Protein backbone atom coordinates (compact mmCIF):
# COMPACT_ATOMS: atom_id res chain seq x y z
CA MET A 1 0.00 0.00 0.00
CA LYS A 2 1.23 3.44 -0.88
CA LYS A 3 0.94 6.90 0.56
CA ASP A 4 -2.25 8.56 -0.64
CA TYR A 5 -3.25 12.16 -1.06
CA GLY A 6 -6.87 12.39 -0.13
CA THR A 7 -8.86 10.74 -2.89
CA GLY A 8 -10.59 8.41 -0.43
CA PHE A 9 -9.55 5.48 -2.60
CA THR A 10 -6.46 3.36 -3.08
CA VAL A 11 -4.06 5.28 -5.29
CA PRO A 12 -1.64 4.03 -7.94
CA ALA A 13 1.62 2.68 -6.53
CA ARG A 14 3.69 5.47 -8.04
CA GLU A 15 1.94 8.11 -5.92
CA GLY A 16 3.66 7.50 -2.61
CA PRO A 17 6.20 5.81 -0.38
CA THR A 18 6.39 2.27 0.74
CA ARG A 19 5.60 1.39 4.33
CA ARG A 20 9.33 1.19 5.00
CA ALA A 21 9.74 4.79 3.84
CA VAL A 22 6.89 5.99 6.01
CA VAL A 23 8.34 4.18 9.00
CA ARG A 24 11.79 5.66 8.39
CA ARG A 25 10.22 9.09 8.10
CA LEU A 26 8.71 8.66 11.54
CA THR A 27 11.39 7.05 13.64
CA GLY A 28 13.98 5.06 11.74
CA ILE A 29 14.64 3.13 14.91
CA VAL A 30 12.13 0.57 16.16
CA CYS A 31 10.56 -2.30 14.25
CA ALA A 32 6.85 -3.02 14.49
CA THR A 33 7.28 -6.44 16.03
CA ALA A 34 9.50 -5.08 18.77
CA LEU A 35 7.02 -2.31 19.54
CA THR A 36 4.16 -4.77 19.77
CA ALA A 37 6.10 -7.04 22.10
CA ALA A 38 7.23 -4.13 24.25
CA VAL A 39 3.73 -3.18 25.33
CA GLY A 40 2.33 -6.68 25.71
CA LEU A 41 -0.42 -6.33 23.14
CA PHE A 42 -3.10 -8.79 22.13
CA THR A 43 -4.54 -9.89 18.81
CA ALA A 44 -8.24 -10.34 19.54
CA PRO A 45 -10.46 -7.22 19.42
CA ALA A 46 -12.15 -6.33 22.68
CA SER A 47 -14.78 -3.85 23.80
CA ALA A 48 -14.85 -4.70 27.48
CA GLU A 49 -14.36 -2.03 30.13
CA GLY A 50 -10.66 -1.40 30.72
CA GLN A 51 -9.61 -1.82 27.09
CA LEU A 52 -8.35 0.65 24.49
CA ASN A 53 -7.84 -0.35 20.85
CA ILE A 54 -5.41 1.89 18.96
CA TYR A 55 -4.84 1.86 15.19
CA ASN A 56 -1.70 3.84 14.29
CA TRP A 57 1.07 4.15 11.73
CA GLY A 58 3.83 1.61 12.34
CA GLU A 59 6.38 2.74 14.94
CA TYR A 60 4.67 6.11 15.35
CA ILE A 61 4.35 5.90 19.12
CA ASN A 62 6.87 5.20 21.85
CA PRO A 63 5.92 1.94 23.61
CA GLU A 64 6.85 3.61 26.89
CA VAL A 65 3.92 5.98 26.40
CA LEU A 66 1.51 3.07 26.15
CA LYS A 67 3.08 1.39 29.19
CA LYS A 68 2.70 4.58 31.20
CA PHE A 69 -0.96 4.90 30.22
CA GLU A 70 -1.65 1.30 31.20
CA THR A 71 0.13 1.68 34.55
CA GLU A 72 -1.68 4.89 35.48
CA THR A 73 -5.18 3.92 34.35
CA GLY A 74 -5.33 0.13 34.50
CA ILE A 75 -6.67 0.22 30.92
CA LYS A 76 -5.13 -2.43 28.70
CA VAL A 77 -3.93 -1.19 25.32
CA LYS A 78 -4.10 -3.12 22.07
CA LEU A 79 -2.19 -1.70 19.10
CA ASP A 80 -2.58 -2.48 15.41
CA THR A 81 -0.66 -0.61 12.71
CA TYR A 82 -1.26 0.60 9.16
CA SER A 83 1.04 1.90 6.44
CA SER A 84 -1.05 4.62 4.80
CA ASN A 85 -4.00 6.90 5.41
CA ASP A 86 -5.90 5.10 2.68
CA GLU A 87 -5.34 1.69 4.24
CA MET A 88 -6.66 3.00 7.53
CA LEU A 89 -9.71 4.63 5.93
CA ALA A 90 -10.62 1.52 3.97
CA LYS A 91 -10.64 -0.56 7.14
CA VAL A 92 -12.42 2.00 9.30
CA ARG A 93 -15.19 2.42 6.73
CA THR A 94 -16.20 -1.20 7.22
CA GLY A 95 -17.58 -0.02 10.57
CA ASP A 96 -16.83 -3.19 12.53
CA THR A 97 -13.17 -2.83 13.42
CA GLY A 98 -13.28 -2.52 17.20
CA TYR A 99 -10.80 0.35 17.00
CA ASP A 100 -11.18 3.35 19.27
CA ILE A 101 -8.41 5.73 18.16
CA VAL A 102 -6.77 6.47 14.81
CA PHE A 103 -4.01 8.92 13.76
CA PRO A 104 -4.95 10.44 10.38
CA SER A 105 -2.99 13.09 8.56
CA VAL A 106 -4.78 16.44 8.57
CA TYR A 107 -6.32 16.14 5.11
CA MET A 108 -7.52 12.61 5.93
CA GLN A 109 -9.09 13.89 9.13
CA ASP A 110 -11.13 16.25 6.97
CA ILE A 111 -12.17 13.42 4.68
CA MET A 112 -13.18 11.26 7.66
CA ALA A 113 -15.12 14.13 9.21
CA ASN A 114 -17.05 14.63 5.99
CA LEU A 115 -17.85 10.90 6.02
CA ASP A 116 -19.15 11.26 9.61
CA LEU A 117 -16.59 8.78 10.97
CA LEU A 118 -15.27 10.85 13.89
CA GLU A 119 -16.58 11.32 17.41
CA LYS A 120 -16.79 14.79 18.93
CA THR A 121 -14.61 14.61 22.04
CA ASP A 122 -14.57 18.25 23.21
CA ILE A 123 -10.89 17.72 23.97
CA ASN A 124 -10.48 21.49 23.54
CA GLN A 125 -12.43 21.93 26.78
CA TYR A 126 -9.94 19.85 28.77
CA GLU A 127 -7.47 21.87 30.84
CA GLY A 128 -4.43 20.27 29.19
CA PHE A 129 -5.50 21.53 25.77
CA LYS A 130 -3.96 24.90 26.66
CA ASN A 131 -0.60 23.25 25.96
CA ILE A 132 -1.38 22.88 22.24
CA ASP A 133 0.01 25.48 19.86
CA PRO A 134 -3.05 26.92 18.02
CA GLN A 135 -1.22 26.98 14.68
CA PHE A 136 -1.52 23.17 14.62
CA LEU A 137 -5.32 23.29 14.52
CA ARG A 138 -5.06 22.78 10.79
CA ALA A 139 -8.08 20.58 9.98
CA LYS A 140 -10.67 22.61 8.09
CA THR A 141 -13.46 20.55 9.67
CA ASP A 142 -12.11 21.00 13.21
CA PRO A 143 -10.69 24.53 13.57
CA LYS A 144 -11.31 24.64 17.34
CA GLY A 145 -10.08 21.16 18.25
CA GLU A 146 -13.51 19.84 19.24
CA TYR A 147 -12.84 16.43 17.70
CA CYS A 148 -9.13 15.58 17.45
CA LEU A 149 -5.89 16.37 19.25
CA PRO A 150 -2.81 17.51 17.26
CA TYR A 151 -0.21 14.76 17.70
CA ALA A 152 3.07 15.17 15.78
CA TRP A 153 4.50 16.85 12.73
CA GLY A 154 7.66 17.18 10.65
CA THR A 155 9.23 18.69 7.55
CA VAL A 156 10.38 17.36 4.19
CA GLY A 157 13.72 18.90 3.27
CA ILE A 158 17.20 17.98 2.06
CA GLY A 159 19.62 15.58 3.73
CA TYR A 160 23.17 16.12 2.48
CA ASN A 161 26.80 15.05 2.79
CA ARG A 162 28.94 18.00 3.87
CA LYS A 163 32.18 16.34 2.79
CA VAL A 164 30.95 15.57 -0.73
CA LEU A 165 29.43 19.01 -1.27
CA GLY A 166 32.30 20.75 0.50
CA LYS A 167 29.85 23.10 2.22
CA ASP A 168 26.53 23.46 3.98
CA ILE A 169 23.65 24.27 1.67
CA THR A 170 20.73 26.62 2.20
CA GLY A 171 18.11 25.16 -0.14
CA TRP A 172 17.25 23.80 -3.56
CA LYS A 173 18.82 26.53 -5.68
CA ASP A 174 22.06 26.31 -3.69
CA LEU A 175 22.11 22.52 -4.01
CA ILE A 176 21.46 22.56 -7.75
CA GLU A 177 24.14 25.17 -8.42
CA THR A 178 26.65 23.19 -6.34
CA VAL A 179 26.00 19.81 -7.94
CA LYS A 180 26.18 21.37 -11.40
CA ALA A 181 29.51 23.01 -10.62
CA LYS A 182 31.00 19.83 -9.16
CA ASN A 183 29.26 17.31 -11.46
CA LEU A 184 27.55 15.56 -8.55
CA LYS A 185 24.21 13.79 -8.16
CA PHE A 186 21.32 13.93 -5.69
CA ALA A 187 18.11 11.95 -5.16
CA LEU A 188 14.46 12.94 -5.15
CA LEU A 189 11.72 11.09 -3.34
CA ASP A 190 9.71 8.67 -5.45
CA ASP A 191 6.64 10.62 -4.39
CA MET A 192 4.37 12.41 -6.81
CA ARG A 193 3.15 15.29 -4.67
CA GLU A 194 6.38 15.82 -2.77
CA VAL A 195 8.39 16.10 -6.00
CA LEU A 196 5.86 18.28 -7.78
CA GLY A 197 5.68 20.23 -4.53
CA VAL A 198 9.36 21.11 -4.94
CA GLY A 199 8.67 22.34 -8.46
CA LEU A 200 5.70 24.38 -7.31
CA ILE A 201 7.62 25.93 -4.40
CA LEU A 202 10.55 26.87 -6.65
CA ASN A 203 8.08 28.72 -8.87
CA GLY A 204 6.42 30.50 -5.96
CA LYS A 205 3.20 28.47 -6.14
CA SER A 206 1.09 26.60 -3.61
CA VAL A 207 1.80 22.89 -3.25
CA ASN A 208 -1.97 22.43 -3.55
CA SER A 209 -2.34 24.32 -6.81
CA THR A 210 -4.57 22.65 -9.40
CA ASP A 211 -3.89 25.22 -12.11
CA PRO A 212 -2.68 23.28 -15.19
CA GLU A 213 -0.12 25.96 -16.04
CA ASP A 214 1.33 25.90 -12.52
CA LEU A 215 1.66 22.13 -12.69
CA LYS A 216 3.20 22.20 -16.16
CA GLN A 217 5.76 24.77 -15.01
CA ALA A 218 6.53 22.72 -11.87
CA ALA A 219 7.01 19.56 -13.93
CA GLN A 220 9.43 21.35 -16.26
CA THR A 221 11.42 22.60 -13.26
CA ILE A 222 11.89 19.00 -12.11
CA ILE A 223 12.67 17.78 -15.63
CA ASP A 224 15.42 20.40 -15.85
CA MET A 225 16.95 18.84 -12.71
CA LYS A 226 16.93 15.28 -14.04
CA PRO A 227 20.50 15.26 -15.43
CA TYR A 228 21.64 15.62 -11.81
CA VAL A 229 19.09 13.25 -10.25
CA ALA A 230 20.59 9.84 -9.51
CA ALA A 231 17.24 8.28 -8.63
CA PHE A 232 13.71 8.80 -7.42
CA THR A 233 13.87 6.72 -4.25
CA TYR A 234 13.10 6.35 -0.56
CA GLU A 235 16.33 4.43 0.02
CA SER A 236 18.59 7.46 -0.15
CA ARG A 237 19.79 7.85 3.44
CA PRO A 238 22.60 5.24 3.26
CA MET A 239 23.58 6.57 -0.18
CA VAL A 240 24.07 10.07 1.23
CA TRP A 241 25.97 8.79 4.27
CA ALA A 242 28.31 6.71 2.11
CA GLY A 243 28.93 9.65 -0.22
CA ASP A 244 27.50 7.82 -3.24
CA ILE A 245 25.29 10.87 -3.81
CA ALA A 246 25.69 14.39 -2.52
CA ALA A 247 22.19 14.91 -1.14
CA ALA A 248 18.65 13.64 -1.04
CA HIS A 249 15.13 14.96 -0.78
CA TYR A 250 13.98 13.43 2.50
CA PHE A 251 11.89 13.63 5.66
CA VAL A 252 13.18 15.12 8.90
CA GLY A 253 13.76 11.54 10.04
CA ALA A 254 17.15 11.98 8.36
CA MET A 255 18.12 13.85 11.53
CA ILE A 256 18.67 10.41 13.08
CA ASP A 257 21.71 10.05 10.80
CA VAL A 258 22.84 13.64 11.40
CA PHE A 259 22.88 13.06 15.16
CA GLN A 260 25.12 10.03 14.64
CA ASP A 261 27.59 11.71 12.26
CA PRO A 262 27.22 15.50 12.37
CA LYS A 263 30.65 16.14 10.83
CA THR A 264 29.60 14.37 7.66
CA LEU A 265 25.85 14.89 7.43
CA GLY A 266 23.37 17.74 7.51
CA TYR A 267 19.67 18.34 7.01
CA VAL A 268 18.17 21.62 5.86
CA ILE A 269 14.67 22.99 5.49
CA PRO A 270 15.10 24.78 2.13
CA GLU A 271 15.09 28.57 2.30
CA GLU A 272 12.67 28.59 -0.64
CA GLY A 273 10.10 26.73 1.47
CA ALA A 274 9.14 23.11 2.11
CA THR A 275 6.26 20.79 2.80
CA MET A 276 5.30 19.50 6.21
CA TYR A 277 3.19 16.62 7.49
CA GLN A 278 0.99 16.44 10.58
CA GLU A 279 -1.04 13.67 12.18
CA ASP A 280 -3.78 14.08 14.79
CA ILE A 281 -5.33 11.70 17.36
CA CYS A 282 -9.01 11.08 16.61
CA VAL A 283 -11.73 8.95 18.23
CA LEU A 284 -13.94 6.94 15.91
CA LYS A 285 -17.69 7.31 16.07
CA THR A 286 -17.88 3.50 16.17
CA ALA A 287 -15.36 3.25 19.04
CA PRO A 288 -16.49 0.65 21.59
CA ASN A 289 -14.45 2.30 24.36
CA LYS A 290 -15.12 6.01 23.89
CA GLU A 291 -14.47 7.03 27.48
CA ASN A 292 -11.13 5.24 27.54
CA ALA A 293 -10.26 6.88 24.23
CA LYS A 294 -11.02 10.32 25.65
CA LYS A 295 -8.86 9.50 28.67
CA PHE A 296 -5.99 8.78 26.29
CA LEU A 297 -6.42 12.14 24.55
CA GLU A 298 -6.39 13.87 27.93
CA PHE A 299 -3.32 11.85 28.94
CA TYR A 300 -1.50 12.91 25.78
CA THR A 301 -2.00 16.62 26.47
CA ARG A 302 0.48 16.28 29.34
CA PRO A 303 3.89 17.75 28.45
CA GLU A 304 5.88 14.90 30.00
CA VAL A 305 3.93 12.34 27.96
CA ALA A 306 4.38 14.15 24.65
CA ALA A 307 8.08 14.64 25.45
CA LEU A 308 8.48 10.93 26.24
CA ASN A 309 7.04 10.12 22.84
CA ILE A 310 9.27 12.56 20.97
CA ALA A 311 12.37 11.27 22.81
CA GLN A 312 12.09 8.11 20.69
CA GLN A 313 11.55 10.02 17.46
CA THR A 314 12.77 13.07 15.52
CA ASN A 315 9.40 14.70 14.95
CA GLY A 316 8.12 18.01 16.21
CA THR A 317 5.33 18.21 18.80
CA PRO A 318 2.42 20.67 18.91
CA ASN A 319 2.62 20.53 22.73
CA VAL A 320 4.51 23.73 23.58
CA PRO A 321 5.69 22.98 27.16
CA ALA A 322 6.73 19.47 26.06
CA ARG A 323 9.47 20.98 23.92
CA ALA A 324 11.37 22.12 27.02
CA LEU A 325 11.40 18.51 28.28
CA GLU A 326 12.82 16.94 25.13
CA PRO A 327 16.36 15.54 24.96
CA GLU A 328 18.82 18.40 24.39
CA LYS A 329 19.75 17.35 20.86
CA ILE A 330 16.09 17.42 19.80
CA LYS A 331 15.10 20.49 21.82
CA ASN A 332 17.99 22.51 20.40
CA SER A 333 17.57 21.35 16.81
CA GLN A 334 16.16 24.08 14.58
CA GLU A 335 15.63 21.41 11.95
CA ILE A 336 13.16 19.56 14.22
CA ASN A 337 11.87 22.63 16.07
CA PRO A 338 12.20 25.42 13.50
CA PRO A 339 11.73 29.08 14.43
CA GLN A 340 8.54 30.86 13.48
CA ASP A 341 9.97 32.53 10.38
CA VAL A 342 10.76 29.07 9.01
CA MET A 343 7.34 27.73 10.02
CA LYS A 344 5.78 30.41 7.83
CA ARG A 345 7.53 28.90 4.81
CA LEU A 346 6.03 25.44 5.33
CA GLN A 347 3.03 24.16 3.39
CA ILE A 348 0.82 21.16 4.09
CA PHE A 349 -1.04 19.03 1.53
CA VAL A 350 -4.82 19.16 1.34
CA ASP A 351 -7.34 16.84 -0.29
CA LEU A 352 -7.50 17.56 -4.01
CA GLY A 353 -10.35 15.21 -4.89
CA ALA A 354 -10.57 14.45 -8.59
CA ASP A 355 -7.89 17.08 -9.35
CA ILE A 356 -5.27 14.57 -8.20
CA ARG A 357 -5.44 13.22 -11.77
CA LYS A 358 -3.77 16.41 -13.00
CA TYR A 359 -0.81 15.60 -10.77
CA ASP A 360 -0.73 12.05 -12.00
CA ARG A 361 -0.41 13.21 -15.60
CA MET A 362 2.44 15.56 -14.74
CA TRP A 363 4.16 12.83 -12.72
CA THR A 364 4.08 10.56 -15.75
CA THR A 365 5.58 13.39 -17.83
CA ILE A 366 8.41 13.80 -15.32
CA LYS A 367 9.17 10.10 -15.07
CA THR A 368 9.21 9.53 -18.84
CA ALA A 369 11.17 12.66 -19.78
CA GLN A 370 14.61 11.95 -21.22
C-alpha cells in the first residue's frame, strides 16, 4: 500500500512511499514487532471495560507511552498498525473494526469528518488543551479542536553530505548550483506530490495548486533537474551517508543520521520553502471504548507524555511545554523545532479530490522525460 493524497480510494503505486519509507520518516529506529512485544499487546479485538484499541502508523508511538498509560489507568492497550491513510480509511469504513483511536494526517481527518466517521470529544475543553500550539489546529473541519488532538509533525527537506558538497547548503537553488559546478548527483523522493511540490515551491506556487499551467511549469522545473538526479527513491539515506550521492530529498527523520555523524551529514529545510506533514489523534464514532479513548487524549495533552514520545523520534510536537522537556539534541535542533519565520515557509497538503489526476499526468511526464 502506498501513501495517498486524499482521494478516499487506493491510489496508484507510483503516488507514494512504501511502508518502510513511512516508518523511516517517523522514527527510523524501532521495528513493528519489537514495539508490539514491548507493550504486551493482544490480537483479539475487545470492547470490554478497561480496554483501548489503537490503530496507528507503524512505529509512530513510543511503547513507553503506552506502558505509562496502562500503569496509570489500569486500561489495557491493544495496538494495530497501518502503512497509509488510505489503508486506515478503507478498514475503518467497514464499521466493525473494534478500534477506538486512529491517527490520520490532517487532510484525511477532513475526509473522515465529511464521512461522519469521527466522534466529537470536546478535547479542547480539557485543561491540558492549553498546551497545544493553536497553529496546529489545521483541519478545516475542526478549527477549534472539538474532535481531534494535534499529535506530531515534521518537515520534508534535504539531507546532504557536507564532505561531498564541501559546504553546507541553504536550499534547492544552492544545491542545484553546487552539484552542477561539481558534477555531482542527488536523489528525489519517489513521491508524486512531494516532488511536484518542490517544483511548485521553486516557482512560488502553492503545493496544492490545481492550475494546469502551474503544474506544467513545476514539472518542467523537475525535468530540468533530471541530469543531476541519480534516482527517485526512498532508500537514499545510506547513499548520502556513504557519499555515493551528494544529497537527497527526504523527511526530517534523516536527523537520526545527522545526530550520529554531524561532521559528515546535515539536514536543511530549504530557504525557498518546504512541505510538512501532521497527524492528529481522533476517536472513531464506532469506538467501543469512547471514554477510555477520551482519557488517552487527555493523557496525551500532558507535556511529559508528549516529550516521552518525541524522545524516541525526531518529529516536532504541537505541545509547547513538552518541547522544554525533550532531549537536548532534539530540543535545540532548529531542523526539528524550527523558528517561526521558518514555520511560515512550510506548506501542508490538502485533499484535491478528482484534481489529483492532473498531478498524475504531470508525474508521468516527469518520469518519462529523457
